[in-house]
Amino acid sequence: MNVYRQIKTAPISADEQARRQYAIDFARGSVRMEGFVLDAQTEALFADYVAGKLDSSALDTAILEYCGVATA
């Protein structure tokens, strides 16, 4: 069950959304320079982060969960 998707967060400003989009675009470019392409699930998580549905902590948790890494 994807618990992180049920967490409600406050709306974010357009400036914050732009900052998040820039950060995600930078990360995506970095990954591509290493020869990898992000899958659809990861892209969906990033889209939720940019839209304000996830904060950075929830994004980290969701990525680790998706990768099968246990969190403490």
PDB file of N, CA and C in Angstrom:
ATOM      1  N   MET A   1       0.845  -1.180   0.000  1.00  0.00           N
ATOM      2  CA  MET A   1       0.000   0.000   0.000  1.00  0.00           C
ATOM      3  C   MET A   1       0.884   1.236   0.000  1.00  0.00           C
ATOM      4  N   ASN A   2       0.541   2.202  -0.785  1.00  0.00           N
ATOM      5  CA  ASN A   2       1.315   3.430  -0.898  1.00  0.00           C
ATOM      6  C   ASN A   2       0.785   4.474   0.073  1.00  0.00           C
ATOM      7  N   VAL A   3       1.263   4.413   1.300  1.00  0.00           N
ATOM      8  CA  VAL A   3       0.794   5.310   2.350  1.00  0.00           C
ATOM      9  C   VAL A   3       1.154   6.748   2.040  1.00  0.00           C
ATOM     10  N   TYR A   4       2.323   6.998   1.458  1.00  0.00           N
ATOM     11  CA  TYR A   4       2.766   8.362   1.203  1.00  0.00           C
ATOM     12  C   TYR A   4       1.807   9.125   0.305  1.00  0.00           C
ATOM     13  N   ARG A   5       1.079   8.465  -0.542  1.00  0.00           N
ATOM     14  CA  ARG A   5       0.147   9.149  -1.435  1.00  0.00           C
ATOM     15  C   ARG A   5      -1.124   9.601  -0.709  1.00  0.00           C
ATOM     16  N   GLN A   6      -1.331   9.131   0.501  1.00  0.00           N
ATOM     17  CA  GLN A   6      -2.522   9.498   1.253  1.00  0.00           C
ATOM     18  C   GLN A   6      -2.279  10.718   2.141  1.00  0.00           C
ATOM     19  N   ILE A   7      -1.044  11.147   2.263  1.00  0.00           N
ATOM     20  CA  ILE A   7      -0.706  12.278   3.115  1.00  0.00           C
ATOM     21  C   ILE A   7      -1.067  13.569   2.399  1.00  0.00           C
ATOM     22  N   LYS A   8      -1.848  14.406   3.059  1.00  0.00           N
ATOM     23  CA  LYS A   8      -2.242  15.691   2.486  1.00  0.00           C
ATOM     24  C   LYS A   8      -1.210  16.741   2.874  1.00  0.00           C
ATOM     25  N   THR A   9      -0.769  17.527   1.908  1.00  0.00           N
ATOM     26  CA  THR A   9       0.167  18.597   2.176  1.00  0.00           C
ATOM     27  C   THR A   9      -0.443  19.913   1.742  1.00  0.00           C
ATOM     28  N   ALA A  10       0.040  20.987   2.328  1.00  0.00           N
ATOM     29  CA  ALA A  10      -0.452  22.317   1.970  1.00  0.00           C
ATOM     30  C   ALA A  10      -0.023  22.657   0.549  1.00  0.00           C
ATOM     31  N   PRO A  11      -0.842  23.441  -0.159  1.00  0.00           N
ATOM     32  CA  PRO A  11      -0.456  23.844  -1.520  1.00  0.00           C
ATOM     33  C   PRO A  11       0.872  24.616  -1.493  1.00  0.00           C
ATOM     34  N   ILE A  12       1.639  24.489  -2.545  1.00  0.00           N
ATOM     35  CA  ILE A  12       2.909  25.196  -2.621  1.00  0.00           C
ATOM     36  C   ILE A  12       2.790  26.357  -3.603  1.00  0.00           C
ATOM     37  N   SER A  13       3.657  27.338  -3.440  1.00  0.00           N
ATOM     38  CA  SER A  13       3.637  28.515  -4.316  1.00  0.00           C
ATOM     39  C   SER A  13       4.195  28.162  -5.689  1.00  0.00           C
ATOM     40  N   ALA A  14       3.934  29.034  -6.640  1.00  0.00           N
ATOM     41  CA  ALA A  14       4.468  28.837  -7.992  1.00  0.00           C
ATOM     42  C   ALA A  14       5.994  28.884  -7.972  1.00  0.00           C
ATOM     43  N   ASP A  15       6.565  29.736  -7.112  1.00  0.00           N
ATOM     44  CA  ASP A  15       8.024  29.811  -7.000  1.00  0.00           C
ATOM     45  C   ASP A  15       8.603  28.502  -6.466  1.00  0.00           C
ATOM     46  N   GLU A  16       7.954  27.938  -5.449  1.00  0.00           N
ATOM     47  CA  GLU A  16       8.419  26.671  -4.894  1.00  0.00           C
ATOM     48  C   GLU A  16       8.273  25.556  -5.920  1.00  0.00           C
ATOM     49  N   GLN A  17       7.181  25.573  -6.655  1.00  0.00           N
ATOM     50  CA  GLN A  17       6.978  24.561  -7.688  1.00  0.00           C
ATOM     51  C   GLN A  17       8.066  24.671  -8.760  1.00  0.00           C
ATOM     52  N   ALA A  18       8.416  25.891  -9.137  1.00  0.00           N
ATOM     53  CA  ALA A  18       9.475  26.093 -10.138  1.00  0.00           C
ATOM     54  C   ALA A  18      10.826  25.632  -9.593  1.00  0.00           C
ATOM     55  N   ARG A  19      11.100  25.905  -8.314  1.00  0.00           N
ATOM     56  CA  ARG A  19      12.351  25.468  -7.695  1.00  0.00           C
ATOM     57  C   ARG A  19      12.445  23.944  -7.700  1.00  0.00           C
ATOM     58  N   ARG A  20      11.326  23.297  -7.360  1.00  0.00           N
ATOM     59  CA  ARG A  20      11.294  21.836  -7.353  1.00  0.00           C
ATOM     60  C   ARG A  20      11.481  21.270  -8.758  1.00  0.00           C
ATOM     61  N   GLN A  21      10.843  21.892  -9.741  1.00  0.00           N
ATOM     62  CA  GLN A  21      10.980  21.420 -11.121  1.00  0.00           C
ATOM     63  C   GLN A  21      12.423  21.538 -11.588  1.00  0.00           C
ATOM     64  N   TYR A  22      13.069  22.645 -11.250  1.00  0.00           N
ATOM     65  CA  TYR A  22      14.468  22.833 -11.613  1.00  0.00           C
ATOM     66  C   TYR A  22      15.328  21.734 -10.984  1.00  0.00           C
ATOM     67  N   ALA A  23      15.096  21.455  -9.709  1.00  0.00           N
ATOM     68  CA  ALA A  23      15.879  20.430  -9.005  1.00  0.00           C
ATOM     69  C   ALA A  23      15.681  19.052  -9.639  1.00  0.00           C
ATOM     70  N   ILE A  24      14.443  18.734  -9.977  1.00  0.00           N
ATOM     71  CA  ILE A  24      14.156  17.430 -10.599  1.00  0.00           C
ATOM     72  C   ILE A  24      14.785  17.358 -11.990  1.00  0.00           C
ATOM     73  N   ASP A  25      14.680  18.424 -12.760  1.00  0.00           N
ATOM     74  CA  ASP A  25      15.285  18.445 -14.096  1.00  0.00           C
ATOM     75  C   ASP A  25      16.801  18.275 -14.010  1.00  0.00           C
ATOM     76  N   PHE A  26      17.413  18.925 -13.013  1.00  0.00           N
ATOM     77  CA  PHE A  26      18.858  18.803 -12.819  1.00  0.00           C
ATOM     78  C   PHE A  26      19.223  17.360 -12.481  1.00  0.00           C
ATOM     79  N   ALA A  27      18.465  16.758 -11.567  1.00  0.00           N
ATOM     80  CA  ALA A  27      18.730  15.369 -11.171  1.00  0.00           C
ATOM     81  C   ALA A  27      18.540  14.422 -12.353  1.00  0.00           C
ATOM     82  N   ARG A  28      17.484  14.651 -13.119  1.00  0.00           N
ATOM     83  CA  ARG A  28      17.226  13.800 -14.295  1.00  0.00           C
ATOM     84  C   ARG A  28      18.383  13.902 -15.292  1.00  0.00           C
ATOM     85  N   GLY A  29      18.871  15.109 -15.518  1.00  0.00           N
ATOM     86  CA  GLY A  29      20.000  15.311 -16.422  1.00  0.00           C
ATOM     87  C   GLY A  29      21.260  14.616 -15.923  1.00  0.00           C
ATOM     88  N   SER A  30      21.486  14.690 -14.621  1.00  0.00           N
ATOM     89  CA  SER A  30      22.640  14.032 -14.025  1.00  0.00           C
ATOM     90  C   SER A  30      22.578  12.523 -14.223  1.00  0.00           C
ATOM     91  N   VAL A  31      21.400  11.962 -14.009  1.00  0.00           N
ATOM     92  CA  VAL A  31      21.197  10.520 -14.186  1.00  0.00           C
ATOM     93  C   VAL A  31      21.425  10.137 -15.650  1.00  0.00           C
ATOM     94  N   ARG A  32      20.923  10.959 -16.562  1.00  0.00           N
ATOM     95  CA  ARG A  32      21.091  10.657 -17.991  1.00  0.00           C
ATOM     96  C   ARG A  32      22.545  10.735 -18.415  1.00  0.00           C
ATOM     97  N   MET A  33      23.297  11.659 -17.811  1.00  0.00           N
ATOM     98  CA  MET A  33      24.726  11.752 -18.140  1.00  0.00           C
ATOM     99  C   MET A  33      25.465  10.487 -17.722  1.00  0.00           C
ATOM    100  N   GLU A  34      24.938   9.789 -16.732  1.00  0.00           N
ATOM    101  CA  GLU A  34      25.526   8.527 -16.282  1.00  0.00           C
ATOM    102  C   GLU A  34      25.051   7.348 -17.134  1.00  0.00           C
ATOM    103  N   GLY A  35      24.133   7.615 -18.080  1.00  0.00           N
ATOM    104  CA  GLY A  35      23.681   6.580 -18.994  1.00  0.00           C
ATOM    105  C   GLY A  35      22.394   5.885 -18.588  1.00  0.00           C
ATOM    106  N   PHE A  36      21.678   6.458 -17.632  1.00  0.00           N
ATOM    107  CA  PHE A  36      20.438   5.843 -17.162  1.00  0.00           C
ATOM    108  C   PHE A  36      19.236   6.704 -17.533  1.00  0.00           C
ATOM    109  N   VAL A  37      18.073   6.072 -17.581  1.00  0.00           N
ATOM    110  CA  VAL A  37      16.807   6.765 -17.801  1.00  0.00           C
ATOM    111  C   VAL A  37      15.868   6.374 -16.670  1.00  0.00           C
ATOM    112  N   LEU A  38      15.200   7.362 -16.091  1.00  0.00           N
ATOM    113  CA  LEU A  38      14.276   7.090 -14.997  1.00  0.00           C
ATOM    114  C   LEU A  38      13.039   6.363 -15.515  1.00  0.00           C
ATOM    115  N   ASP A  39      12.529   5.430 -14.724  1.00  0.00           N
ATOM    116  CA  ASP A  39      11.334   4.691 -15.130  1.00  0.00           C
ATOM    117  C   ASP A  39      10.072   5.503 -14.815  1.00  0.00           C
ATOM    118  N   ALA A  40       8.938   5.003 -15.270  1.00  0.00           N
ATOM    119  CA  ALA A  40       7.664   5.718 -15.135  1.00  0.00           C
ATOM    120  C   ALA A  40       7.267   5.918 -13.675  1.00  0.00           C
ATOM    121  N   GLN A  41       7.522   4.945 -12.831  1.00  0.00           N
ATOM    122  CA  GLN A  41       7.159   5.069 -11.412  1.00  0.00           C
ATOM    123  C   GLN A  41       7.956   6.190 -10.739  1.00  0.00           C
ATOM    124  N   THR A  42       9.235   6.258 -11.021  1.00  0.00           N
ATOM    125  CA  THR A  42      10.071   7.314 -10.449  1.00  0.00           C
ATOM    126  C   THR A  42       9.649   8.673 -10.980  1.00  0.00           C
ATOM    127  N   GLU A  43       9.371   8.751 -12.268  1.00  0.00           N
ATOM    128  CA  GLU A  43       8.892  10.006 -12.858  1.00  0.00           C
ATOM    129  C   GLU A  43       7.571  10.446 -12.209  1.00  0.00           C
ATOM    130  N   ALA A  44       6.696   9.484 -11.907  1.00  0.00           N
ATOM    131  CA  ALA A  44       5.420   9.807 -11.254  1.00  0.00           C
ATOM    132  C   ALA A  44       5.659  10.351  -9.850  1.00  0.00           C
ATOM    133  N   LEU A  45       6.598   9.765  -9.124  1.00  0.00           N
ATOM    134  CA  LEU A  45       6.940  10.277  -7.790  1.00  0.00           C
ATOM    135  C   LEU A  45       7.482  11.698  -7.886  1.00  0.00           C
ATOM    136  N   PHE A  46       8.350  11.940  -8.861  1.00  0.00           N
ATOM    137  CA  PHE A  46       8.902  13.282  -9.039  1.00  0.00           C
ATOM    138  C   PHE A  46       7.804  14.279  -9.412  1.00  0.00           C
ATOM    139  N   ALA A  47       6.859  13.873 -10.248  1.00  0.00           N
ATOM    140  CA  ALA A  47       5.746  14.752 -10.623  1.00  0.00           C
ATOM    141  C   ALA A  47       4.909  15.105  -9.394  1.00  0.00           C
ATOM    142  N   ASP A  48       4.682  14.132  -8.514  1.00  0.00           N
ATOM    143  CA  ASP A  48       3.944  14.398  -7.270  1.00  0.00           C
ATOM    144  C   ASP A  48       4.702  15.380  -6.385  1.00  0.00           C
ATOM    145  N   TYR A  49       6.019  15.279  -6.359  1.00  0.00           N
ATOM    146  CA  TYR A  49       6.839  16.205  -5.577  1.00  0.00           C
ATOM    147  C   TYR A  49       6.736  17.619  -6.144  1.00  0.00           C
ATOM    148  N   VAL A  50       6.866  17.756  -7.451  1.00  0.00           N
ATOM    149  CA  VAL A  50       6.782  19.070  -8.093  1.00  0.00           C
ATOM    150  C   VAL A  50       5.395  19.680  -7.883  1.00  0.00           C
ATOM    151  N   ALA A  51       4.358  18.864  -7.927  1.00  0.00           N
ATOM    152  CA  ALA A  51       2.986  19.351  -7.756  1.00  0.00           C
ATOM    153  C   ALA A  51       2.660  19.693  -6.305  1.00  0.00           C
ATOM    154  N   GLY A  52       3.530  19.304  -5.378  1.00  0.00           N
ATOM    155  CA  GLY A  52       3.283  19.605  -3.977  1.00  0.00           C
ATOM    156  C   GLY A  52       2.545  18.513  -3.235  1.00  0.00           C
ATOM    157  N   LYS A  53       2.345  17.370  -3.867  1.00  0.00           N
ATOM    158  CA  LYS A  53       1.663  16.257  -3.200  1.00  0.00           C
ATOM    159  C   LYS A  53       2.580  15.553  -2.216  1.00  0.00           C
ATOM    160  N   LEU A  54       3.894  15.687  -2.411  1.00  0.00           N
ATOM    161  CA  LEU A  54       4.899  15.105  -1.519  1.00  0.00           C
ATOM    162  C   LEU A  54       5.883  16.190  -1.111  1.00  0.00           C
ATOM    163  N   ASP A  55       6.322  16.163   0.143  1.00  0.00           N
ATOM    164  CA  ASP A  55       7.434  17.025   0.520  1.00  0.00           C
ATOM    165  C   ASP A  55       8.719  16.232   0.312  1.00  0.00           C
ATOM    166  N   SER A  56       9.864  16.845   0.559  1.00  0.00           N
ATOM    167  CA  SER A  56      11.122  16.161   0.252  1.00  0.00           C
ATOM    168  C   SER A  56      11.328  14.909   1.100  1.00  0.00           C
ATOM    169  N   SER A  57      10.877  14.952   2.339  1.00  0.00           N
ATOM    170  CA  SER A  57      11.001  13.779   3.207  1.00  0.00           C
ATOM    171  C   SER A  57      10.138  12.627   2.695  1.00  0.00           C
ATOM    172  N   ALA A  58       8.915  12.930   2.291  1.00  0.00           N
ATOM    173  CA  ALA A  58       8.015  11.903   1.764  1.00  0.00           C
ATOM    174  C   ALA A  58       8.541  11.355   0.439  1.00  0.00           C
ATOM    175  N   LEU A  59       9.144  12.224  -0.371  1.00  0.00           N
ATOM    176  CA  LEU A  59       9.733  11.764  -1.635  1.00  0.00           C
ATOM    177  C   LEU A  59      10.882  10.796  -1.363  1.00  0.00           C
ATOM    178  N   ASP A  60      11.757  11.169  -0.425  1.00  0.00           N
ATOM    179  CA  ASP A  60      12.867  10.278  -0.065  1.00  0.00           C
ATOM    180  C   ASP A  60      12.358   8.920   0.390  1.00  0.00           C
ATOM    181  N   THR A  61      11.360   8.923   1.258  1.00  0.00           N
ATOM    182  CA  THR A  61      10.788   7.679   1.779  1.00  0.00           C
ATOM    183  C   THR A  61      10.180   6.850   0.649  1.00  0.00           C
ATOM    184  N   ALA A  62       9.442   7.515  -0.242  1.00  0.00           N
ATOM    185  CA  ALA A  62       8.795   6.809  -1.351  1.00  0.00           C
ATOM    186  C   ALA A  62       9.814   6.189  -2.300  1.00  0.00           C
ATOM    187  N   ILE A  63      10.895   6.912  -2.591  1.00  0.00           N
ATOM    188  CA  ILE A  63      11.942   6.390  -3.466  1.00  0.00           C
ATOM    189  C   ILE A  63      12.618   5.187  -2.836  1.00  0.00           C
ATOM    190  N   LEU A  64      12.954   5.315  -1.555  1.00  0.00           N
ATOM    191  CA  LEU A  64      13.596   4.195  -0.859  1.00  0.00           C
ATOM    192  C   LEU A  64      12.671   2.979  -0.793  1.00  0.00           C
ATOM    193  N   GLU A  65      11.389   3.224  -0.543  1.00  0.00           N
ATOM    194  CA  GLU A  65      10.406   2.136  -0.513  1.00  0.00           C
ATOM    195  C   GLU A  65      10.324   1.462  -1.878  1.00  0.00           C
ATOM    196  N   TYR A  66      10.268   2.251  -2.917  1.00  0.00           N
ATOM    197  CA  TYR A  66      10.185   1.736  -4.279  1.00  0.00           C
ATOM    198  C   TYR A  66      11.417   0.891  -4.623  1.00  0.00           C
ATOM    199  N   CYS A  67      12.576   1.313  -4.131  1.00  0.00           N
ATOM    200  CA  CYS A  67      13.827   0.591  -4.397  1.00  0.00           C
ATOM    201  C   CYS A  67      14.031  -0.591  -3.480  1.00  0.00           C
ATOM    202  N   GLY A  68      13.123  -0.763  -2.510  1.00  0.00           N
ATOM    203  CA  GLY A  68      13.228  -1.894  -1.599  1.00  0.00           C
ATOM    204  C   GLY A  68      14.243  -1.701  -0.501  1.00  0.00           C
ATOM    205  N   VAL A  69      14.543  -0.442  -0.198  1.00  0.00           N
ATOM    206  CA  VAL A  69      15.497  -0.139   0.864  1.00  0.00           C
ATOM    207  C   VAL A  69      14.716   0.152   2.142  1.00  0.00           C
ATOM    208  N   ALA A  70      15.019  -0.560   3.208  1.00  0.00           N
ATOM    209  CA  ALA A  70      14.333  -0.360   4.487  1.00  0.00           C
ATOM    210  C   ALA A  70      14.777   0.953   5.094  1.00  0.00           C
ATOM    211  N   THR A  71      13.826   1.681   5.661  1.00  0.00           N
ATOM    212  CA  THR A  71      14.143   2.930   6.357  1.00  0.00           C
ATOM    213  C   THR A  71      14.036   2.710   7.845  1.00  0.00           C
ATOM    214  N   ALA A  72      14.838   3.431   8.582  1.00  0.00           N
ATOM    215  CA  ALA A  72      14.845   3.278  10.047  1.00  0.00           C
ATOM    216  C   ALA A  72      13.816   4.172  10.694  1.00  0.00           C
TER     217      ALA A  72
END
